[in-house]
PDB file of N, CA and C in Angstrom:
ATOM      1  N   MET A   1     -63.964 -34.968  -0.234  1.00  0.00           N
ATOM      2  CA  MET A   1     -63.996 -35.938  -1.300  1.00  0.00           C
ATOM      3  C   MET A   1     -63.025 -35.549  -2.411  1.00  0.00           C
ATOM      4  N   GLU A   2     -62.917 -34.252  -2.682  1.00  0.00           N
ATOM      5  CA  GLU A   2     -62.028 -33.787  -3.736  1.00  0.00           C
ATOM      6  C   GLU A   2     -60.568 -34.076  -3.390  1.00  0.00           C
ATOM      7  N   ALA A   3     -60.219 -33.973  -2.107  1.00  0.00           N
ATOM      8  CA  ALA A   3     -58.846 -34.254  -1.693  1.00  0.00           C
ATOM      9  C   ALA A   3     -58.491 -35.713  -1.940  1.00  0.00           C
ATOM     10  N   ILE A   4     -59.443 -36.609  -1.697  1.00  0.00           N
ATOM     11  CA  ILE A   4     -59.202 -38.030  -1.937  1.00  0.00           C
ATOM     12  C   ILE A   4     -59.018 -38.283  -3.426  1.00  0.00           C
ATOM     13  N   THR A   5     -59.870 -37.697  -4.246  1.00  0.00           N
ATOM     14  CA  THR A   5     -59.787 -37.886  -5.686  1.00  0.00           C
ATOM     15  C   THR A   5     -58.463 -37.374  -6.233  1.00  0.00           C
ATOM     16  N   SER A   6     -58.034 -36.202  -5.777  1.00  0.00           N
ATOM     17  CA  SER A   6     -56.779 -35.663  -6.292  1.00  0.00           C
ATOM     18  C   SER A   6     -55.594 -36.502  -5.838  1.00  0.00           C
ATOM     19  N   THR A   7     -55.652 -37.067  -4.650  1.00  0.00           N
ATOM     20  CA  THR A   7     -54.582 -37.934  -4.177  1.00  0.00           C
ATOM     21  C   THR A   7     -54.549 -39.230  -4.968  1.00  0.00           C
ATOM     22  N   LEU A   8     -55.718 -39.805  -5.228  1.00  0.00           N
ATOM     23  CA  LEU A   8     -55.772 -41.060  -5.967  1.00  0.00           C
ATOM     24  C   LEU A   8     -55.380 -40.879  -7.425  1.00  0.00           C
ATOM     25  N   GLY A   9     -55.567 -39.693  -7.960  1.00  0.00           N
ATOM     26  CA  GLY A   9     -55.244 -39.445  -9.350  1.00  0.00           C
ATOM     27  C   GLY A   9     -53.762 -39.237  -9.615  1.00  0.00           C
ATOM     28  N   ARG A  10     -52.976 -39.111  -8.585  1.00  0.00           N
ATOM     29  CA  ARG A  10     -51.543 -38.864  -8.742  1.00  0.00           C
ATOM     30  C   ARG A  10     -50.798 -40.144  -9.093  1.00  0.00           C
ATOM     31  N   THR A  11     -49.703 -39.956  -9.801  1.00  0.00           N
ATOM     32  CA  THR A  11     -48.810 -41.067 -10.093  1.00  0.00           C
ATOM     33  C   THR A  11     -47.976 -41.329  -8.849  1.00  0.00           C
ATOM     34  N   PRO A  12     -47.853 -42.590  -8.432  1.00  0.00           N
ATOM     35  CA  PRO A  12     -47.056 -42.872  -7.241  1.00  0.00           C
ATOM     36  C   PRO A  12     -45.588 -42.526  -7.484  1.00  0.00           C
ATOM     37  N   PRO A  13     -44.873 -42.154  -6.429  1.00  0.00           N
ATOM     38  CA  PRO A  13     -43.460 -41.818  -6.598  1.00  0.00           C
ATOM     39  C   PRO A  13     -42.670 -43.054  -7.029  1.00  0.00           C
ATOM     40  N   PRO A  14     -41.569 -42.858  -7.735  1.00  0.00           N
ATOM     41  CA  PRO A  14     -40.770 -44.008  -8.162  1.00  0.00           C
ATOM     42  C   PRO A  14     -40.157 -44.722  -6.962  1.00  0.00           C
ATOM     43  N   LEU A  15     -39.929 -46.002  -7.119  1.00  0.00           N
ATOM     44  CA  LEU A  15     -39.300 -46.781  -6.055  1.00  0.00           C
ATOM     45  C   LEU A  15     -37.868 -46.321  -5.869  1.00  0.00           C
ATOM     46  N   LYS A  16     -37.417 -46.331  -4.637  1.00  0.00           N
ATOM     47  CA  LYS A  16     -36.030 -45.985  -4.371  1.00  0.00           C
ATOM     48  C   LYS A  16     -35.180 -47.218  -4.639  1.00  0.00           C
ATOM     49  N   GLY A  17     -34.020 -46.994  -5.204  1.00  0.00           N
ATOM     50  CA  GLY A  17     -33.136 -48.104  -5.502  1.00  0.00           C
ATOM     51  C   GLY A  17     -33.537 -48.795  -6.798  1.00  0.00           C
ATOM     52  N   ASP A  18     -32.914 -49.906  -7.044  1.00  0.00           N
ATOM     53  CA  ASP A  18     -33.150 -50.674  -8.261  1.00  0.00           C
ATOM     54  C   ASP A  18     -34.418 -51.506  -8.110  1.00  0.00           C
ATOM     55  N   PRO A  19     -35.415 -51.305  -8.975  1.00  0.00           N
ATOM     56  CA  PRO A  19     -36.657 -52.076  -8.842  1.00  0.00           C
ATOM     57  C   PRO A  19     -36.448 -53.571  -9.050  1.00  0.00           C
ATOM     58  N   THR A  20     -35.398 -53.943  -9.773  1.00  0.00           N
ATOM     59  CA  THR A  20     -35.163 -55.377  -9.960  1.00  0.00           C
ATOM     60  C   THR A  20     -34.708 -56.034  -8.659  1.00  0.00           C
ATOM     61  N   ASP A  21     -34.060 -55.256  -7.784  1.00  0.00           N
ATOM     62  CA  ASP A  21     -33.699 -55.794  -6.464  1.00  0.00           C
ATOM     63  C   ASP A  21     -34.954 -56.118  -5.665  1.00  0.00           C
ATOM     64  N   THR A  22     -35.951 -55.247  -5.767  1.00  0.00           N
ATOM     65  CA  THR A  22     -37.220 -55.478  -5.080  1.00  0.00           C
ATOM     66  C   THR A  22     -37.900 -56.724  -5.623  1.00  0.00           C
ATOM     67  N   LEU A  23     -37.884 -56.891  -6.941  1.00  0.00           N
ATOM     68  CA  LEU A  23     -38.488 -58.082  -7.543  1.00  0.00           C
ATOM     69  C   LEU A  23     -37.792 -59.353  -7.072  1.00  0.00           C
ATOM     70  N   ARG A  24     -36.460 -59.322  -7.015  1.00  0.00           N
ATOM     71  CA  ARG A  24     -35.712 -60.508  -6.575  1.00  0.00           C
ATOM     72  C   ARG A  24     -36.035 -60.835  -5.113  1.00  0.00           C
ATOM     73  N   THR A  25     -36.108 -59.810  -4.280  1.00  0.00           N
ATOM     74  CA  THR A  25     -36.436 -60.012  -2.869  1.00  0.00           C
ATOM     75  C   THR A  25     -37.829 -60.608  -2.710  1.00  0.00           C
ATOM     76  N   GLN A  26     -38.784 -60.087  -3.471  1.00  0.00           N
ATOM     77  CA  GLN A  26     -40.157 -60.596  -3.393  1.00  0.00           C
ATOM     78  C   GLN A  26     -40.263 -62.017  -3.931  1.00  0.00           C
ATOM     79  N   ALA A  27     -39.508 -62.330  -4.963  1.00  0.00           N
ATOM     80  CA  ALA A  27     -39.513 -63.692  -5.508  1.00  0.00           C
ATOM     81  C   ALA A  27     -38.978 -64.678  -4.474  1.00  0.00           C
ATOM     82  N   GLN A  28     -37.924 -64.292  -3.781  1.00  0.00           N
ATOM     83  CA  GLN A  28     -37.353 -65.158  -2.746  1.00  0.00           C
ATOM     84  C   GLN A  28     -38.321 -65.304  -1.575  1.00  0.00           C
ATOM     85  N   ALA A  29     -38.995 -64.226  -1.208  1.00  0.00           N
ATOM     86  CA  ALA A  29     -39.982 -64.294  -0.123  1.00  0.00           C
ATOM     87  C   ALA A  29     -41.145 -65.205  -0.499  1.00  0.00           C
ATOM     88  N   LEU A  30     -41.566 -65.156  -1.761  1.00  0.00           N
ATOM     89  CA  LEU A  30     -42.648 -66.030  -2.211  1.00  0.00           C
ATOM     90  C   LEU A  30     -42.218 -67.486  -2.176  1.00  0.00           C
ATOM     91  N   GLU A  31     -40.992 -67.775  -2.604  1.00  0.00           N
ATOM     92  CA  GLU A  31     -40.495 -69.147  -2.540  1.00  0.00           C
ATOM     93  C   GLU A  31     -40.469 -69.636  -1.092  1.00  0.00           C
ATOM     94  N   ALA A  32     -39.996 -68.809  -0.179  1.00  0.00           N
ATOM     95  CA  ALA A  32     -39.941 -69.196   1.231  1.00  0.00           C
ATOM     96  C   ALA A  32     -41.340 -69.454   1.776  1.00  0.00           C
ATOM     97  N   PHE A  33     -42.289 -68.601   1.422  1.00  0.00           N
ATOM     98  CA  PHE A  33     -43.670 -68.791   1.869  1.00  0.00           C
ATOM     99  C   PHE A  33     -44.234 -70.116   1.355  1.00  0.00           C
ATOM    100  N   LEU A  34     -44.034 -70.378   0.071  1.00  0.00           N
ATOM    101  CA  LEU A  34     -44.551 -71.618  -0.518  1.00  0.00           C
ATOM    102  C   LEU A  34     -43.922 -72.845   0.136  1.00  0.00           C
ATOM    103  N   PHE A  35     -42.617 -72.788   0.368  1.00  0.00           N
ATOM    104  CA  PHE A  35     -41.940 -73.917   0.988  1.00  0.00           C
ATOM    105  C   PHE A  35     -42.414 -74.118   2.428  1.00  0.00           C
ATOM    106  N   ALA A  36     -42.612 -73.031   3.167  1.00  0.00           N
ATOM    107  CA  ALA A  36     -43.116 -73.139   4.543  1.00  0.00           C
ATOM    108  C   ALA A  36     -44.502 -73.773   4.561  1.00  0.00           C
ATOM    109  N   GLU A  37     -45.339 -73.407   3.601  1.00  0.00           N
ATOM    110  CA  GLU A  37     -46.677 -74.010   3.514  1.00  0.00           C
ATOM    111  C   GLU A  37     -46.595 -75.493   3.187  1.00  0.00           C
ATOM    112  N   MET A  38     -45.674 -75.861   2.293  1.00  0.00           N
ATOM    113  CA  MET A  38     -45.503 -77.286   1.983  1.00  0.00           C
ATOM    114  C   MET A  38     -45.075 -78.061   3.221  1.00  0.00           C
ATOM    115  N   LEU A  39     -44.165 -77.482   4.003  1.00  0.00           N
ATOM    116  CA  LEU A  39     -43.737 -78.139   5.237  1.00  0.00           C
ATOM    117  C   LEU A  39     -44.899 -78.273   6.214  1.00  0.00           C
ATOM    118  N   ARG A  40     -45.706 -77.225   6.323  1.00  0.00           N
ATOM    119  CA  ARG A  40     -46.841 -77.254   7.253  1.00  0.00           C
ATOM    120  C   ARG A  40     -47.848 -78.323   6.854  1.00  0.00           C
ATOM    121  N   VAL A  41     -48.218 -78.338   5.593  1.00  0.00           N
ATOM    122  CA  VAL A  41     -49.236 -79.274   5.126  1.00  0.00           C
ATOM    123  C   VAL A  41     -48.746 -80.717   5.212  1.00  0.00           C
ATOM    124  N   SER A  42     -47.466 -80.924   4.921  1.00  0.00           N
ATOM    125  CA  SER A  42     -46.937 -82.289   4.942  1.00  0.00           C
ATOM    126  C   SER A  42     -46.666 -82.785   6.357  1.00  0.00           C
ATOM    127  N   GLY A  43     -46.630 -81.858   7.316  1.00  0.00           N
ATOM    128  CA  GLY A  43     -46.375 -82.257   8.698  1.00  0.00           C
ATOM    129  C   GLY A  43     -44.911 -82.506   8.982  1.00  0.00           C
ATOM    130  N   THR A  44     -44.039 -82.078   8.079  1.00  0.00           N
ATOM    131  CA  THR A  44     -42.602 -82.257   8.288  1.00  0.00           C
ATOM    132  C   THR A  44     -41.960 -80.920   8.598  1.00  0.00           C
ATOM    133  N   GLY A  45     -40.701 -80.993   8.991  1.00  0.00           N
ATOM    134  CA  GLY A  45     -39.958 -79.771   9.219  1.00  0.00           C
ATOM    135  C   GLY A  45     -39.994 -79.266  10.639  1.00  0.00           C
ATOM    136  N   ALA A  46     -40.876 -79.799  11.446  1.00  0.00           N
ATOM    137  CA  ALA A  46     -40.953 -79.329  12.826  1.00  0.00           C
ATOM    138  C   ALA A  46     -41.297 -80.489  13.749  1.00  0.00           C
ATOM    139  N   PRO A  47     -40.377 -80.840  14.633  1.00  0.00           N
ATOM    140  CA  PRO A  47     -40.709 -81.881  15.597  1.00  0.00           C
ATOM    141  C   PRO A  47     -41.764 -81.374  16.570  1.00  0.00           C
ATOM    142  N   SER A  48     -42.733 -82.188  16.840  1.00  0.00           N
ATOM    143  CA  SER A  48     -43.795 -81.769  17.745  1.00  0.00           C
ATOM    144  C   SER A  48     -43.822 -82.701  18.955  1.00  0.00           C
ATOM    145  N   PRO A  49     -43.229 -82.264  20.066  1.00  0.00           N
ATOM    146  CA  PRO A  49     -43.165 -83.120  21.250  1.00  0.00           C
ATOM    147  C   PRO A  49     -44.509 -83.263  21.959  1.00  0.00           C
ATOM    148  N   THR A  50     -45.529 -82.597  21.473  1.00  0.00           N
ATOM    149  CA  THR A  50     -46.818 -82.619  22.161  1.00  0.00           C
ATOM    150  C   THR A  50     -47.730 -83.727  21.651  1.00  0.00           C
ATOM    151  N   GLY A  51     -47.153 -84.691  20.955  1.00  0.00           N
ATOM    152  CA  GLY A  51     -47.958 -85.822  20.513  1.00  0.00           C
ATOM    153  C   GLY A  51     -48.808 -85.537  19.298  1.00  0.00           C
ATOM    154  N   GLY A  52     -48.290 -84.734  18.383  1.00  0.00           N
ATOM    155  CA  GLY A  52     -49.009 -84.494  17.145  1.00  0.00           C
ATOM    156  C   GLY A  52     -49.648 -83.133  17.033  1.00  0.00           C
ATOM    157  N   THR A  53     -49.861 -82.463  18.144  1.00  0.00           N
ATOM    158  CA  THR A  53     -50.440 -81.125  18.036  1.00  0.00           C
ATOM    159  C   THR A  53     -49.317 -80.122  17.815  1.00  0.00           C
ATOM    160  N   GLU A  54     -49.607 -79.095  17.081  1.00  0.00           N
ATOM    161  CA  GLU A  54     -48.592 -78.102  16.745  1.00  0.00           C
ATOM    162  C   GLU A  54     -48.311 -77.195  17.931  1.00  0.00           C
ATOM    163  N   SER A  55     -47.026 -77.030  18.239  1.00  0.00           N
ATOM    164  CA  SER A  55     -46.671 -76.103  19.308  1.00  0.00           C
ATOM    165  C   SER A  55     -46.690 -74.682  18.757  1.00  0.00           C
ATOM    166  N   GLN A  56     -46.594 -73.733  19.639  1.00  0.00           N
ATOM    167  CA  GLN A  56     -46.623 -72.327  19.233  1.00  0.00           C
ATOM    168  C   GLN A  56     -45.412 -71.952  18.396  1.00  0.00           C
ATOM    169  N   PHE A  57     -44.333 -72.699  18.530  1.00  0.00           N
ATOM    170  CA  PHE A  57     -43.086 -72.316  17.886  1.00  0.00           C
ATOM    171  C   PHE A  57     -42.773 -73.111  16.628  1.00  0.00           C
ATOM    172  N   ASP A  58     -43.587 -74.097  16.289  1.00  0.00           N
ATOM    173  CA  ASP A  58     -43.342 -74.893  15.087  1.00  0.00           C
ATOM    174  C   ASP A  58     -43.327 -74.023  13.837  1.00  0.00           C
ATOM    175  N   SER A  59     -44.202 -73.041  13.773  1.00  0.00           N
ATOM    176  CA  SER A  59     -44.259 -72.190  12.578  1.00  0.00           C
ATOM    177  C   SER A  59     -42.978 -71.372  12.412  1.00  0.00           C
ATOM    178  N   PHE A  60     -42.361 -70.974  13.525  1.00  0.00           N
ATOM    179  CA  PHE A  60     -41.106 -70.233  13.436  1.00  0.00           C
ATOM    180  C   PHE A  60     -40.002 -71.108  12.857  1.00  0.00           C
ATOM    181  N   LEU A  61     -39.949 -72.368  13.298  1.00  0.00           N
ATOM    182  CA  LEU A  61     -38.945 -73.291  12.783  1.00  0.00           C
ATOM    183  C   LEU A  61     -39.168 -73.545  11.300  1.00  0.00           C
ATOM    184  N   ARG A  62     -40.415 -73.803  10.918  1.00  0.00           N
ATOM    185  CA  ARG A  62     -40.717 -74.028   9.500  1.00  0.00           C
ATOM    186  C   ARG A  62     -40.321 -72.820   8.655  1.00  0.00           C
ATOM    187  N   GLN A  63     -40.629 -71.620   9.141  1.00  0.00           N
ATOM    188  CA  GLN A  63     -40.301 -70.417   8.377  1.00  0.00           C
ATOM    189  C   GLN A  63     -38.794 -70.244   8.256  1.00  0.00           C
ATOM    190  N   ALA A  64     -38.055 -70.521   9.327  1.00  0.00           N
ATOM    191  CA  ALA A  64     -36.596 -70.414   9.272  1.00  0.00           C
ATOM    192  C   ALA A  64     -36.021 -71.420   8.280  1.00  0.00           C
ATOM    193  N   GLN A  65     -36.559 -72.642   8.286  1.00  0.00           N
ATOM    194  CA  GLN A  65     -36.104 -73.647   7.328  1.00  0.00           C
ATOM    195  C   GLN A  65     -36.429 -73.214   5.902  1.00  0.00           C
ATOM    196  N   ALA A  66     -37.612 -72.695   5.693  1.00  0.00           N
ATOM    197  CA  ALA A  66     -38.025 -72.253   4.361  1.00  0.00           C
ATOM    198  C   ALA A  66     -37.182 -71.071   3.889  1.00  0.00           C
ATOM    199  N   ASP A  67     -36.902 -70.133   4.780  1.00  0.00           N
ATOM    200  CA  ASP A  67     -36.059 -68.991   4.425  1.00  0.00           C
ATOM    201  C   ASP A  67     -34.665 -69.455   4.021  1.00  0.00           C
ATOM    202  N   SER A  68     -34.142 -70.440   4.742  1.00  0.00           N
ATOM    203  CA  SER A  68     -32.819 -70.973   4.440  1.00  0.00           C
ATOM    204  C   SER A  68     -32.782 -71.632   3.063  1.00  0.00           C
ATOM    205  N   VAL A  69     -33.796 -72.416   2.760  1.00  0.00           N
ATOM    206  CA  VAL A  69     -33.864 -73.075   1.449  1.00  0.00           C
ATOM    207  C   VAL A  69     -33.975 -72.030   0.342  1.00  0.00           C
ATOM    208  N   ALA A  70     -34.837 -71.045   0.530  1.00  0.00           N
ATOM    209  CA  ALA A  70     -35.024 -70.010  -0.492  1.00  0.00           C
ATOM    210  C   ALA A  70     -33.746 -69.199  -0.693  1.00  0.00           C
ATOM    211  N   ALA A  71     -33.052 -68.885   0.389  1.00  0.00           N
ATOM    212  CA  ALA A  71     -31.821 -68.100   0.294  1.00  0.00           C
ATOM    213  C   ALA A  71     -30.702 -68.872  -0.394  1.00  0.00           C
ATOM    214  N   SER A  72     -30.732 -70.200  -0.295  1.00  0.00           N
ATOM    215  CA  SER A  72     -29.678 -71.006  -0.909  1.00  0.00           C
ATOM    216  C   SER A  72     -29.760 -70.986  -2.430  1.00  0.00           C
ATOM    217  N   GLY A  73     -30.954 -70.782  -2.964  1.00  0.00           N
ATOM    218  CA  GLY A  73     -31.124 -70.760  -4.411  1.00  0.00           C
ATOM    219  C   GLY A  73     -31.054 -72.122  -5.069  1.00  0.00           C
ATOM    220  N   GLN A  74     -31.028 -73.182  -4.288  1.00  0.00           N
ATOM    221  CA  GLN A  74     -30.845 -74.526  -4.838  1.00  0.00           C
ATOM    222  C   GLN A  74     -32.051 -75.043  -5.606  1.00  0.00           C
ATOM    223  N   THR A  75     -33.241 -74.582  -5.279  1.00  0.00           N
ATOM    224  CA  THR A  75     -34.416 -75.095  -5.985  1.00  0.00           C
ATOM    225  C   THR A  75     -34.636 -74.389  -7.318  1.00  0.00           C
ATOM    226  N   GLY A  76     -34.176 -73.167  -7.434  1.00  0.00           N
ATOM    227  CA  GLY A  76     -34.362 -72.408  -8.663  1.00  0.00           C
ATOM    228  C   GLY A  76     -35.743 -71.775  -8.795  1.00  0.00           C
ATOM    229  N   LEU A  77     -36.605 -71.998  -7.814  1.00  0.00           N
ATOM    230  CA  LEU A  77     -37.961 -71.470  -7.891  1.00  0.00           C
ATOM    231  C   LEU A  77     -37.975 -69.944  -7.832  1.00  0.00           C
ATOM    232  N   ALA A  78     -37.224 -69.374  -6.900  1.00  0.00           N
ATOM    233  CA  ALA A  78     -37.190 -67.909  -6.784  1.00  0.00           C
ATOM    234  C   ALA A  78     -36.654 -67.282  -8.066  1.00  0.00           C
ATOM    235  N   GLU A  79     -35.662 -67.902  -8.666  1.00  0.00           N
ATOM    236  CA  GLU A  79     -35.104 -67.373  -9.915  1.00  0.00           C
ATOM    237  C   GLU A  79     -36.140 -67.417 -11.035  1.00  0.00           C
ATOM    238  N   ALA A  80     -36.901 -68.503 -11.112  1.00  0.00           N
ATOM    239  CA  ALA A  80     -37.948 -68.617 -12.133  1.00  0.00           C
ATOM    240  C   ALA A  80     -39.042 -67.572 -11.907  1.00  0.00           C
ATOM    241  N   ILE A  81     -39.424 -67.382 -10.652  1.00  0.00           N
ATOM    242  CA  ILE A  81     -40.434 -66.367 -10.325  1.00  0.00           C
ATOM    243  C   ILE A  81     -39.896 -64.979 -10.668  1.00  0.00           C
ATOM    244  N   TYR A  82     -38.647 -64.735 -10.323  1.00  0.00           N
ATOM    245  CA  TYR A  82     -38.006 -63.448 -10.598  1.00  0.00           C
ATOM    246  C   TYR A  82     -38.001 -63.141 -12.092  1.00  0.00           C
ATOM    247  N   ARG A  83     -37.582 -64.104 -12.893  1.00  0.00           N
ATOM    248  CA  ARG A  83     -37.534 -63.892 -14.348  1.00  0.00           C
ATOM    249  C   ARG A  83     -38.930 -63.652 -14.921  1.00  0.00           C
ATOM    250  N   SER A  84     -39.916 -64.358 -14.380  1.00  0.00           N
ATOM    251  CA  SER A  84     -41.290 -64.158 -14.834  1.00  0.00           C
ATOM    252  C   SER A  84     -41.776 -62.752 -14.488  1.00  0.00           C
ATOM    253  N   MET A  85     -41.481 -62.310 -13.262  1.00  0.00           N
ATOM    254  CA  MET A  85     -41.885 -60.956 -12.860  1.00  0.00           C
ATOM    255  C   MET A  85     -41.154 -59.898 -13.678  1.00  0.00           C
ATOM    256  N   LEU A  86     -39.870 -60.152 -13.997  1.00  0.00           N
ATOM    257  CA  LEU A  86     -39.121 -59.207 -14.828  1.00  0.00           C
ATOM    258  C   LEU A  86     -39.787 -59.024 -16.182  1.00  0.00           C
ATOM    259  N   SER A  87     -40.142 -60.135 -16.805  1.00  0.00           N
ATOM    260  CA  SER A  87     -40.739 -60.035 -18.138  1.00  0.00           C
ATOM    261  C   SER A  87     -42.115 -59.371 -18.083  1.00  0.00           C
ATOM    262  N   ARG A  88     -42.887 -59.666 -17.038  1.00  0.00           N
ATOM    263  CA  ARG A  88     -44.205 -59.041 -16.909  1.00  0.00           C
ATOM    264  C   ARG A  88     -44.101 -57.547 -16.615  1.00  0.00           C
ATOM    265  N   ALA A  89     -43.030 -57.165 -15.918  1.00  0.00           N
ATOM    266  CA  ALA A  89     -42.842 -55.753 -15.576  1.00  0.00           C
ATOM    267  C   ALA A  89     -42.178 -54.973 -16.713  1.00  0.00           C
ATOM    268  N   GLY A  90     -41.749 -55.691 -17.751  1.00  0.00           N
ATOM    269  CA  GLY A  90     -41.161 -55.023 -18.905  1.00  0.00           C
ATOM    270  C   GLY A  90     -39.675 -54.775 -18.810  1.00  0.00           C
ATOM    271  N   PHE A  91     -38.987 -55.457 -17.901  1.00  0.00           N
ATOM    272  CA  PHE A  91     -37.537 -55.317 -17.801  1.00  0.00           C
ATOM    273  C   PHE A  91     -36.886 -56.322 -18.737  1.00  0.00           C
ATOM    274  N   SER A  92     -35.682 -56.005 -19.178  1.00  0.00           N
ATOM    275  CA  SER A  92     -35.003 -56.872 -20.140  1.00  0.00           C
ATOM    276  C   SER A  92     -34.334 -58.069 -19.488  1.00  0.00           C
ATOM    277  N   GLY A  93     -34.203 -58.079 -18.177  1.00  0.00           N
ATOM    278  CA  GLY A  93     -33.575 -59.201 -17.473  1.00  0.00           C
ATOM    279  C   GLY A  93     -32.165 -58.864 -17.060  1.00  0.00           C
ATOM    280  N   SER A  94     -31.708 -59.592 -16.004  1.00  0.00           N
ATOM    281  CA  SER A  94     -30.342 -59.386 -15.537  1.00  0.00           C
ATOM    282  C   SER A  94     -29.849 -60.622 -14.862  1.00  0.00           C
TER     283      SER A  94
END
């Protein structure tokens, strides 16, 4: 039990690389996830030749489409999420 307590009491090691890069990556991943969910719920983004039932591969297509939209930066959502995370994390912005 003491070993667990001493491990939990330690400060985690610093992140390797620039932490703002990690925030930007996570913001883009969140935008892609949200967009993929919107596509899933709306029933768009994936042709379903099975007469309305979802095929096993529809989710892959939706995710690829969502990743593409998020990577393009055209919606501005990832940038807004990124700036919000920067301010909450105490960074001055970049």
